[in-house]
Amino acid sequence: MALLATFIATAALLWHSDNEVPTPTQDSELRGDREPDSFVVDALYTSYDEQGTVKIQFVSPRIEQFEANGYAIMAEPQATIQGQPGSEPWQLTAKHGKLRDGNSQLELEGDVRVVRQIGERSATLSTTRLTLDNRTNMAYTDAPVEIVDATGTTHATGMKAWLNERILELDSQVEGRYETGN
């Protein structure tokens, strides 16, 4: 009798266990939305123009890819952006970066610095955030900026820069202090 009861109970459990346990169909359901699809450690990324010339190159100790959302997050990115042939490249650093739109837009945040060597002089632009558009070769921000070179310091709120044309437009609240050389 006990054996028959055990057999019936086992059969009932097996019959009820035929219902499949739902499994996540999306990778993001399995790992969660906040976790990356993939990541790279000690990354080096290079982008080329149509002629095969290096356009931008950056390194980062860690890049996390979020494919469903169409972006990648970078820790402490350092970038070199080439301008016109024969001109010195732009050097960029930041605490954080986000690469969007199929690698065409780089958003930098946190202690953003852009350094450009111009002959014997160098100029440094500092801000809290900066967006680089690889398609138009433009950089822009609406945050406060500071530009320091050998002859002075300029402060402004917001700016646009056309990198190939070497044109810088400061948006508002522009103040500068310059000293002439002896």
Protein backbone atom coordinates (compact mmCIF):
# COMPACT_ATOMS: atom_id res chain seq x y z
CA MET A 1 0.00 0.00 0.00
CA ALA A 2 2.81 2.45 0.91
CA LEU A 3 4.61 1.49 -2.29
CA LEU A 4 1.47 2.22 -4.34
CA ALA A 5 1.04 5.63 -2.63
CA THR A 6 4.70 6.50 -3.32
CA PHE A 7 4.30 5.48 -6.96
CA ILE A 8 1.14 7.61 -7.37
CA ALA A 9 2.80 10.61 -5.69
CA THR A 10 5.89 10.27 -7.91
CA ALA A 11 3.74 9.99 -11.05
CA ALA A 12 1.75 13.08 -10.03
CA LEU A 13 4.94 15.07 -9.43
CA LEU A 14 6.38 14.01 -12.77
CA TRP A 15 3.14 14.88 -14.54
CA HIS A 16 3.08 18.37 -12.99
CA SER A 17 6.78 18.92 -13.75
CA ASP A 18 6.13 18.55 -17.49
CA ASN A 19 5.23 22.24 -17.52
CA GLU A 20 8.35 23.91 -18.88
CA VAL A 21 10.05 26.50 -16.76
CA PRO A 22 10.13 29.73 -18.77
CA THR A 23 13.66 30.59 -19.83
CA PRO A 24 14.84 34.06 -20.73
CA THR A 25 14.75 34.62 -24.48
CA GLN A 26 16.95 37.71 -24.47
CA ASP A 27 20.50 37.83 -23.16
CA SER A 28 19.62 41.03 -21.32
CA GLU A 29 16.84 39.20 -19.43
CA LEU A 30 19.39 36.68 -18.22
CA ARG A 31 22.04 39.15 -17.07
CA GLY A 32 19.96 42.32 -16.51
CA ASP A 33 19.83 45.66 -18.33
CA ARG A 34 22.70 47.18 -16.39
CA GLU A 35 25.22 44.51 -17.38
CA PRO A 36 27.09 44.86 -20.70
CA ASP A 37 26.73 42.46 -23.62
CA SER A 38 30.51 42.30 -23.81
CA PHE A 39 33.59 44.12 -22.57
CA VAL A 40 37.20 44.68 -23.60
CA VAL A 41 40.13 45.23 -21.26
CA ASP A 42 43.08 47.43 -22.36
CA ALA A 43 41.28 48.40 -25.56
CA LEU A 44 42.78 50.16 -28.57
CA TYR A 45 40.29 51.46 -31.16
CA THR A 46 41.22 53.01 -34.50
CA SER A 47 38.85 54.67 -37.00
CA TYR A 48 39.86 55.37 -40.60
CA ASP A 49 38.54 57.74 -43.26
CA GLU A 50 37.53 56.68 -46.79
CA GLN A 51 41.16 56.87 -47.99
CA GLY A 52 42.38 54.56 -45.21
CA THR A 53 44.06 57.31 -43.19
CA VAL A 54 43.79 57.14 -39.40
CA LYS A 55 41.06 59.57 -38.30
CA ILE A 56 40.80 58.85 -34.57
CA GLN A 57 42.52 56.46 -32.23
CA PHE A 58 41.72 55.93 -28.58
CA VAL A 59 42.71 53.65 -25.74
CA SER A 60 40.80 52.72 -22.61
CA PRO A 61 41.51 50.34 -19.74
CA ARG A 62 37.93 49.01 -20.07
CA ILE A 63 35.15 49.33 -22.65
CA GLU A 64 31.68 47.88 -22.01
CA GLN A 65 29.41 47.26 -25.02
CA PHE A 66 25.60 47.59 -24.73
CA GLU A 67 24.48 46.40 -28.18
CA ALA A 68 20.71 46.66 -27.66
CA ASN A 69 21.07 50.32 -26.66
CA GLY A 70 23.63 51.10 -29.36
CA TYR A 71 26.48 52.43 -27.24
CA ALA A 72 29.71 51.51 -25.48
CA ILE A 73 31.00 52.98 -22.21
CA MET A 74 34.71 53.67 -21.76
CA ALA A 75 36.72 54.16 -18.61
CA GLU A 76 39.39 56.87 -18.73
CA PRO A 77 39.51 57.22 -22.53
CA GLN A 78 42.53 58.82 -24.16
CA ALA A 79 42.09 59.80 -27.80
CA THR A 80 44.24 61.15 -30.61
CA ILE A 81 42.28 62.91 -33.36
CA GLN A 82 43.97 63.70 -36.64
CA GLY A 83 43.20 67.02 -38.29
CA GLN A 84 44.23 68.12 -41.75
CA PRO A 85 47.31 66.41 -43.23
CA GLY A 86 50.47 68.06 -41.95
CA SER A 87 48.83 69.47 -38.82
CA GLU A 88 49.42 68.26 -35.29
CA PRO A 89 46.79 65.92 -33.82
CA TRP A 90 44.46 66.76 -30.94
CA GLN A 91 45.04 64.81 -27.68
CA LEU A 92 41.94 64.18 -25.54
CA THR A 93 41.51 62.69 -22.07
CA ALA A 94 38.48 62.26 -19.79
CA LYS A 95 37.30 60.20 -16.86
CA HIS A 96 34.41 58.62 -18.80
CA GLY A 97 33.36 58.24 -22.40
CA LYS A 98 30.37 56.93 -24.32
CA LEU A 99 30.61 55.90 -27.97
CA ARG A 100 27.27 56.13 -29.86
CA ASP A 101 25.73 55.86 -33.31
CA GLY A 102 27.96 53.18 -34.80
CA ASN A 103 31.14 54.74 -33.42
CA SER A 104 30.44 58.13 -34.97
CA GLN A 105 29.79 60.12 -31.78
CA LEU A 106 32.05 60.16 -28.71
CA GLU A 107 30.70 61.80 -25.55
CA LEU A 108 33.36 62.61 -22.94
CA GLU A 109 32.60 63.49 -19.32
CA GLY A 110 34.56 64.33 -16.21
CA ASP A 111 37.77 66.37 -16.31
CA VAL A 112 37.81 66.56 -20.11
CA ARG A 113 41.05 67.96 -21.51
CA VAL A 114 41.95 68.66 -25.12
CA VAL A 115 45.58 69.52 -25.85
CA ARG A 116 46.89 70.73 -29.18
CA GLN A 117 50.51 71.43 -29.96
CA ILE A 118 50.88 74.37 -32.34
CA GLY A 119 54.51 74.69 -33.30
CA GLU A 120 56.43 75.54 -30.11
CA ARG A 121 53.24 76.38 -28.19
CA SER A 122 50.50 74.22 -26.78
CA ALA A 123 46.90 75.08 -26.00
CA THR A 124 44.67 73.24 -23.51
CA LEU A 125 40.88 73.28 -23.45
CA SER A 126 39.26 72.03 -20.22
CA THR A 127 35.56 71.32 -19.57
CA THR A 128 33.28 68.88 -17.76
CA ARG A 129 31.79 67.34 -20.92
CA LEU A 130 32.47 67.38 -24.64
CA THR A 131 30.91 65.63 -27.65
CA LEU A 132 32.96 64.72 -30.72
CA ASP A 133 31.08 64.01 -33.94
CA ASN A 134 33.23 61.83 -36.18
CA ARG A 135 30.96 62.38 -39.21
CA THR A 136 31.27 66.18 -39.21
CA ASN A 137 34.66 66.39 -37.45
CA MET A 138 33.13 68.75 -34.89
CA ALA A 139 33.46 69.05 -31.12
CA TYR A 140 30.88 70.86 -28.98
CA THR A 141 29.62 71.41 -25.44
CA ASP A 142 27.17 73.61 -23.58
CA ALA A 143 29.26 73.39 -20.38
CA PRO A 144 31.76 76.00 -19.16
CA VAL A 145 35.13 75.83 -20.93
CA GLU A 146 38.59 77.18 -20.16
CA ILE A 147 41.27 77.62 -22.81
CA VAL A 148 44.85 78.19 -21.69
CA ASP A 149 47.85 78.86 -23.90
CA ALA A 150 51.18 80.67 -23.57
CA THR A 151 49.62 84.13 -24.00
CA GLY A 152 46.50 83.92 -21.83
CA THR A 153 43.36 82.30 -20.52
CA THR A 154 39.83 82.39 -21.94
CA HIS A 155 36.64 81.35 -20.13
CA ALA A 156 33.27 80.79 -21.82
CA THR A 157 30.05 78.86 -21.54
CA GLY A 158 29.55 76.50 -24.46
CA MET A 159 31.56 76.13 -27.64
CA LYS A 160 31.72 74.55 -31.05
CA ALA A 161 34.90 73.57 -32.85
CA TRP A 162 35.30 72.56 -36.49
CA LEU A 163 38.47 70.49 -36.22
CA ASN A 164 39.46 70.35 -39.91
CA GLU A 165 38.97 74.08 -40.41
CA ARG A 166 40.61 74.94 -37.06
CA ILE A 167 37.66 77.20 -36.17
CA LEU A 168 36.52 77.66 -32.57
CA GLU A 169 33.27 79.43 -31.70
CA LEU A 170 32.62 80.34 -28.06
CA ASP A 171 28.90 80.60 -27.28
CA SER A 172 28.41 82.99 -24.33
CA GLN A 173 29.89 84.67 -21.25
CA VAL A 174 33.30 84.93 -22.92
CA GLU A 175 36.05 86.47 -20.80
CA GLY A 176 39.75 86.50 -21.56
CA ARG A 177 43.01 87.64 -20.07
CA TYR A 178 46.05 87.95 -22.31
CA GLU A 179 49.60 89.11 -21.78
CA THR A 180 51.89 90.29 -24.52
CA GLY A 181 55.36 88.84 -24.78
CA ASN A 182 58.45 90.91 -24.06
